[in-house]
């Protein structure tokens, strides 16, 4: 009982057309459509930019691991984990030497 019926909506539409006229009303709807279109285009541009940044970061991380040089110098401590520590350097003022 409290809602709008078809007759209420038709009367409201007729009043709007009388107030604004058919041409002005269609121009306003065209402006609304242009606004929605530009909004959707802006959202799509943001998503494309985000996707491009993610792909570029993924490509750099994949290529970054290949471009770094690999250290292949032998480490005797890594080969023999129970090797004794190297002797401390002797100084000329050492009384034990």
N, C-alpha and C. Protein backbone atom coordinates (compact mmCIF):
# COMPACT_ATOMS: atom_id res chain seq x y z
N UNK A 1 0.81 -1.20 0.00
CA UNK A 1 0.00 0.00 0.00
C UNK A 1 0.86 1.26 0.00
N UNK A 2 2.09 1.17 0.55
CA UNK A 2 2.92 2.35 0.63
C UNK A 2 3.86 2.51 -0.56
N UNK A 3 3.90 1.53 -1.46
CA UNK A 3 4.82 1.59 -2.58
C UNK A 3 4.25 2.36 -3.76
N UNK A 4 5.09 2.57 -4.74
CA UNK A 4 4.65 3.26 -5.97
C UNK A 4 4.04 2.25 -6.92
N UNK A 5 2.94 2.62 -7.52
CA UNK A 5 2.33 1.77 -8.53
C UNK A 5 2.75 2.27 -9.92
N UNK A 6 2.31 1.57 -10.92
CA UNK A 6 2.64 1.96 -12.29
C UNK A 6 2.10 3.35 -12.61
N UNK A 7 0.91 3.67 -12.09
CA UNK A 7 0.30 4.98 -12.35
C UNK A 7 1.12 6.12 -11.74
N UNK A 8 1.65 5.89 -10.55
CA UNK A 8 2.48 6.92 -9.91
C UNK A 8 3.73 7.21 -10.75
N UNK A 9 4.37 6.14 -11.23
CA UNK A 9 5.59 6.31 -12.02
C UNK A 9 5.29 7.01 -13.34
N UNK A 10 4.18 6.66 -14.00
CA UNK A 10 3.82 7.32 -15.26
C UNK A 10 3.53 8.80 -15.05
N UNK A 11 2.80 9.14 -14.00
CA UNK A 11 2.50 10.55 -13.72
C UNK A 11 3.78 11.32 -13.43
N UNK A 12 4.69 10.71 -12.67
CA UNK A 12 5.97 11.35 -12.36
C UNK A 12 6.78 11.58 -13.64
N UNK A 13 6.81 10.60 -14.54
CA UNK A 13 7.55 10.72 -15.80
C UNK A 13 6.95 11.82 -16.67
N UNK A 14 5.62 11.94 -16.71
CA UNK A 14 4.96 12.99 -17.50
C UNK A 14 5.29 14.37 -16.94
N UNK A 15 5.31 14.51 -15.62
CA UNK A 15 5.65 15.80 -15.00
C UNK A 15 7.10 16.17 -15.32
N UNK A 16 8.01 15.19 -15.27
CA UNK A 16 9.41 15.46 -15.61
C UNK A 16 9.56 15.91 -17.06
N UNK A 17 8.85 15.26 -17.96
CA UNK A 17 8.92 15.64 -19.37
C UNK A 17 8.36 17.05 -19.59
N UNK A 18 7.29 17.40 -18.87
CA UNK A 18 6.72 18.75 -19.01
C UNK A 18 7.67 19.81 -18.46
N UNK A 19 8.33 19.50 -17.34
CA UNK A 19 9.23 20.48 -16.73
C UNK A 19 10.50 20.68 -17.56
N UNK A 20 11.11 19.59 -17.96
CA UNK A 20 12.40 19.69 -18.64
C UNK A 20 12.29 19.65 -20.15
N UNK A 21 11.23 19.16 -20.68
CA UNK A 21 11.09 19.02 -22.13
C UNK A 21 11.82 17.77 -22.60
N UNK A 22 11.41 17.26 -23.73
CA UNK A 22 11.98 16.01 -24.24
C UNK A 22 13.43 16.15 -24.63
N UNK A 23 13.79 17.26 -25.26
CA UNK A 23 15.16 17.44 -25.75
C UNK A 23 16.14 17.61 -24.59
N UNK A 24 15.78 18.43 -23.63
CA UNK A 24 16.68 18.68 -22.50
C UNK A 24 16.84 17.41 -21.67
N UNK A 25 15.75 16.67 -21.49
CA UNK A 25 15.80 15.43 -20.71
C UNK A 25 16.71 14.40 -21.39
N UNK A 26 16.60 14.28 -22.71
CA UNK A 26 17.46 13.32 -23.42
C UNK A 26 18.92 13.77 -23.38
N UNK A 27 19.16 15.07 -23.41
CA UNK A 27 20.54 15.57 -23.28
C UNK A 27 21.12 15.22 -21.92
N UNK A 28 20.30 15.36 -20.87
CA UNK A 28 20.78 15.02 -19.53
C UNK A 28 21.09 13.53 -19.43
N UNK A 29 20.26 12.69 -20.01
CA UNK A 29 20.52 11.25 -19.98
C UNK A 29 21.77 10.90 -20.80
N UNK A 30 21.98 11.63 -21.89
CA UNK A 30 23.20 11.43 -22.68
C UNK A 30 24.45 11.79 -21.88
N UNK A 31 24.35 12.88 -21.10
CA UNK A 31 25.48 13.28 -20.25
C UNK A 31 25.75 12.24 -19.17
N UNK A 32 24.68 11.68 -18.60
CA UNK A 32 24.85 10.63 -17.60
C UNK A 32 25.52 9.41 -18.23
N UNK A 33 25.10 9.06 -19.43
CA UNK A 33 25.70 7.90 -20.11
C UNK A 33 27.17 8.15 -20.42
N UNK A 34 27.52 9.37 -20.84
CA UNK A 34 28.93 9.69 -21.10
C UNK A 34 29.76 9.61 -19.82
N UNK A 35 29.19 10.08 -18.73
CA UNK A 35 29.89 10.00 -17.45
C UNK A 35 30.14 8.57 -17.03
N UNK A 36 29.15 7.71 -17.18
CA UNK A 36 29.33 6.30 -16.84
C UNK A 36 30.37 5.64 -17.73
N UNK A 37 30.34 5.99 -19.02
CA UNK A 37 31.30 5.41 -19.95
C UNK A 37 32.73 5.82 -19.60
N UNK A 38 32.94 7.10 -19.28
CA UNK A 38 34.29 7.55 -18.92
C UNK A 38 34.73 6.94 -17.59
N UNK A 39 33.79 6.74 -16.67
CA UNK A 39 34.13 6.10 -15.39
C UNK A 39 34.59 4.66 -15.62
N UNK A 40 33.85 3.92 -16.44
CA UNK A 40 34.23 2.53 -16.73
C UNK A 40 35.57 2.47 -17.46
N UNK A 41 35.81 3.42 -18.36
CA UNK A 41 37.08 3.45 -19.09
C UNK A 41 38.24 3.75 -18.13
N UNK A 42 38.02 4.65 -17.18
CA UNK A 42 39.05 4.96 -16.19
C UNK A 42 39.36 3.76 -15.31
N UNK A 43 38.32 3.03 -14.92
CA UNK A 43 38.55 1.84 -14.10
C UNK A 43 39.32 0.78 -14.90
N UNK A 44 38.99 0.62 -16.17
CA UNK A 44 39.70 -0.36 -17.00
C UNK A 44 41.16 0.05 -17.19
N UNK A 45 41.42 1.35 -17.35
CA UNK A 45 42.80 1.83 -17.49
C UNK A 45 43.60 1.55 -16.23
N UNK A 46 42.98 1.75 -15.05
CA UNK A 46 43.67 1.46 -13.80
C UNK A 46 43.99 -0.02 -13.67
N UNK A 47 43.05 -0.88 -14.06
CA UNK A 47 43.30 -2.31 -13.99
C UNK A 47 44.40 -2.73 -14.97
N UNK A 48 44.42 -2.13 -16.17
CA UNK A 48 45.47 -2.45 -17.14
C UNK A 48 46.83 -2.02 -16.61
N UNK A 49 46.89 -0.85 -16.01
CA UNK A 49 48.16 -0.35 -15.46
C UNK A 49 48.65 -1.26 -14.34
N UNK A 50 47.74 -1.67 -13.46
CA UNK A 50 48.11 -2.57 -12.36
C UNK A 50 48.60 -3.91 -12.90
N UNK A 51 47.93 -4.46 -13.90
CA UNK A 51 48.34 -5.73 -14.50
C UNK A 51 49.71 -5.58 -15.16
N UNK A 52 49.95 -4.45 -15.83
CA UNK A 52 51.23 -4.22 -16.49
C UNK A 52 52.36 -4.14 -15.46
N UNK A 53 52.09 -3.46 -14.31
CA UNK A 53 53.12 -3.37 -13.27
C UNK A 53 53.44 -4.73 -12.66
N UNK A 54 52.39 -5.55 -12.44
CA UNK A 54 52.62 -6.88 -11.88
C UNK A 54 53.42 -7.74 -12.84
N UNK A 55 53.10 -7.69 -14.13
CA UNK A 55 53.85 -8.48 -15.11
C UNK A 55 55.29 -8.01 -15.22
N UNK A 56 55.50 -6.71 -15.14
CA UNK A 56 56.86 -6.18 -15.22
C UNK A 56 57.66 -6.61 -13.99
N UNK A 57 57.06 -6.56 -12.81
CA UNK A 57 57.76 -6.98 -11.59
C UNK A 57 58.07 -8.48 -11.64
N UNK A 58 57.13 -9.28 -12.15
CA UNK A 58 57.35 -10.71 -12.26
C UNK A 58 58.49 -11.00 -13.24
N UNK A 59 58.52 -10.26 -14.35
CA UNK A 59 59.58 -10.44 -15.35
C UNK A 59 60.94 -10.04 -14.77
N UNK A 60 60.98 -8.94 -14.02
CA UNK A 60 62.24 -8.51 -13.43
C UNK A 60 62.73 -9.50 -12.38
N UNK A 61 61.82 -10.04 -11.59
CA UNK A 61 62.26 -11.01 -10.57
C UNK A 61 62.76 -12.29 -11.23
N UNK A 62 62.12 -12.68 -12.34
CA UNK A 62 62.56 -13.88 -13.03
C UNK A 62 63.91 -13.64 -13.70
N UNK A 63 64.10 -12.50 -14.32
CA UNK A 63 65.36 -12.20 -14.98
C UNK A 63 66.45 -11.82 -13.99
N UNK A 64 66.07 -11.25 -12.86
CA UNK A 64 67.04 -10.82 -11.86
C UNK A 64 67.84 -11.98 -11.31
N UNK A 65 67.24 -13.14 -11.14
CA UNK A 65 67.97 -14.28 -10.60
C UNK A 65 68.94 -14.84 -11.62
N UNK A 66 68.69 -14.65 -12.90
CA UNK A 66 69.58 -15.16 -13.94
C UNK A 66 70.76 -14.21 -14.14
N UNK A 67 70.57 -12.92 -13.99
CA UNK A 67 71.62 -11.95 -14.27
C UNK A 67 72.68 -11.86 -13.17
N UNK A 68 72.38 -12.31 -11.96
CA UNK A 68 73.35 -12.20 -10.89
C UNK A 68 74.46 -13.23 -11.05
N UNK A 69 75.72 -12.84 -10.81
CA UNK A 69 76.80 -13.82 -10.91
C UNK A 69 76.74 -14.82 -9.75
N UNK A 70 77.18 -16.01 -10.01
CA UNK A 70 77.18 -17.07 -9.00
C UNK A 70 78.59 -17.20 -8.45
N UNK A 71 78.72 -17.18 -7.13
CA UNK A 71 80.01 -17.31 -6.48
C UNK A 71 80.39 -18.79 -6.46
N UNK A 72 81.49 -19.13 -7.15
CA UNK A 72 81.92 -20.52 -7.24
C UNK A 72 83.28 -20.75 -6.57
N UNK A 73 83.74 -19.80 -5.77
CA UNK A 73 85.02 -19.98 -5.09
C UNK A 73 84.85 -21.07 -4.04
N UNK A 74 85.84 -21.99 -3.93
CA UNK A 74 85.72 -23.06 -2.96
C UNK A 74 85.86 -22.54 -1.53
N UNK A 75 85.10 -23.09 -0.66
CA UNK A 75 85.15 -22.72 0.75
C UNK A 75 85.55 -23.99 1.52
N UNK A 76 86.79 -24.06 2.02
CA UNK A 76 87.23 -25.29 2.69
C UNK A 76 86.43 -25.56 3.96
N UNK A 77 85.92 -24.55 4.62
CA UNK A 77 85.15 -24.75 5.85
C UNK A 77 83.82 -25.43 5.54
N UNK A 78 83.26 -25.13 4.39
CA UNK A 78 81.99 -25.74 4.04
C UNK A 78 82.19 -27.20 3.64
N UNK A 79 83.34 -27.53 3.05
CA UNK A 79 83.59 -28.90 2.62
C UNK A 79 83.87 -29.80 3.81
N UNK A 80 84.57 -29.31 4.83
CA UNK A 80 84.93 -30.12 6.00
C UNK A 80 84.41 -29.41 7.25
N UNK A 81 83.23 -29.76 7.74
CA UNK A 81 82.65 -29.03 8.86
C UNK A 81 83.42 -29.21 10.17
N UNK A 82 84.30 -30.19 10.31
CA UNK A 82 85.03 -30.40 11.56
C UNK A 82 86.47 -29.89 11.46
N UNK A 83 86.79 -29.10 10.46
CA UNK A 83 88.14 -28.57 10.32
C UNK A 83 88.43 -27.62 11.47
N UNK A 84 89.68 -27.65 11.99
CA UNK A 84 90.01 -26.75 13.11
C UNK A 84 90.05 -25.30 12.63
N UNK A 85 89.82 -24.37 13.53
CA UNK A 85 89.87 -22.96 13.13
C UNK A 85 91.28 -22.57 12.74
N UNK A 86 91.41 -21.59 11.87
CA UNK A 86 92.77 -21.18 11.46
C UNK A 86 93.49 -20.55 12.65
N UNK A 87 94.82 -20.66 12.68
CA UNK A 87 95.58 -20.09 13.81
C UNK A 87 95.52 -18.56 13.76
N UNK A 88 95.53 -17.93 14.92
CA UNK A 88 95.49 -16.47 14.94
C UNK A 88 96.80 -15.92 14.39
N UNK A 89 96.75 -14.77 13.77
CA UNK A 89 97.98 -14.17 13.24
C UNK A 89 98.90 -13.79 14.39
N UNK A 90 100.20 -14.05 14.22
CA UNK A 90 101.16 -13.72 15.27
C UNK A 90 101.63 -12.29 15.10
N UNK A 91 101.76 -11.62 16.21
CA UNK A 91 102.22 -10.23 16.17
C UNK A 91 103.67 -10.19 16.65
N UNK A 92 104.44 -9.19 16.22
CA UNK A 92 105.86 -9.13 16.62
C UNK A 92 106.05 -8.85 18.11
N UNK A 93 105.06 -8.31 18.81
CA UNK A 93 105.21 -8.01 20.23
C UNK A 93 104.70 -9.16 21.11
N UNK A 94 104.44 -10.29 20.53
CA UNK A 94 103.93 -11.43 21.28
C UNK A 94 105.08 -12.06 22.07
N UNK A 95 105.02 -12.11 23.40
CA UNK A 95 106.15 -12.66 24.18
C UNK A 95 106.28 -14.18 24.04
N UNK A 96 105.25 -14.87 23.62
CA UNK A 96 105.33 -16.33 23.48
C UNK A 96 106.06 -16.74 22.21
N UNK A 97 106.16 -15.87 21.26
CA UNK A 97 106.76 -16.25 20.00
C UNK A 97 108.25 -16.17 19.99
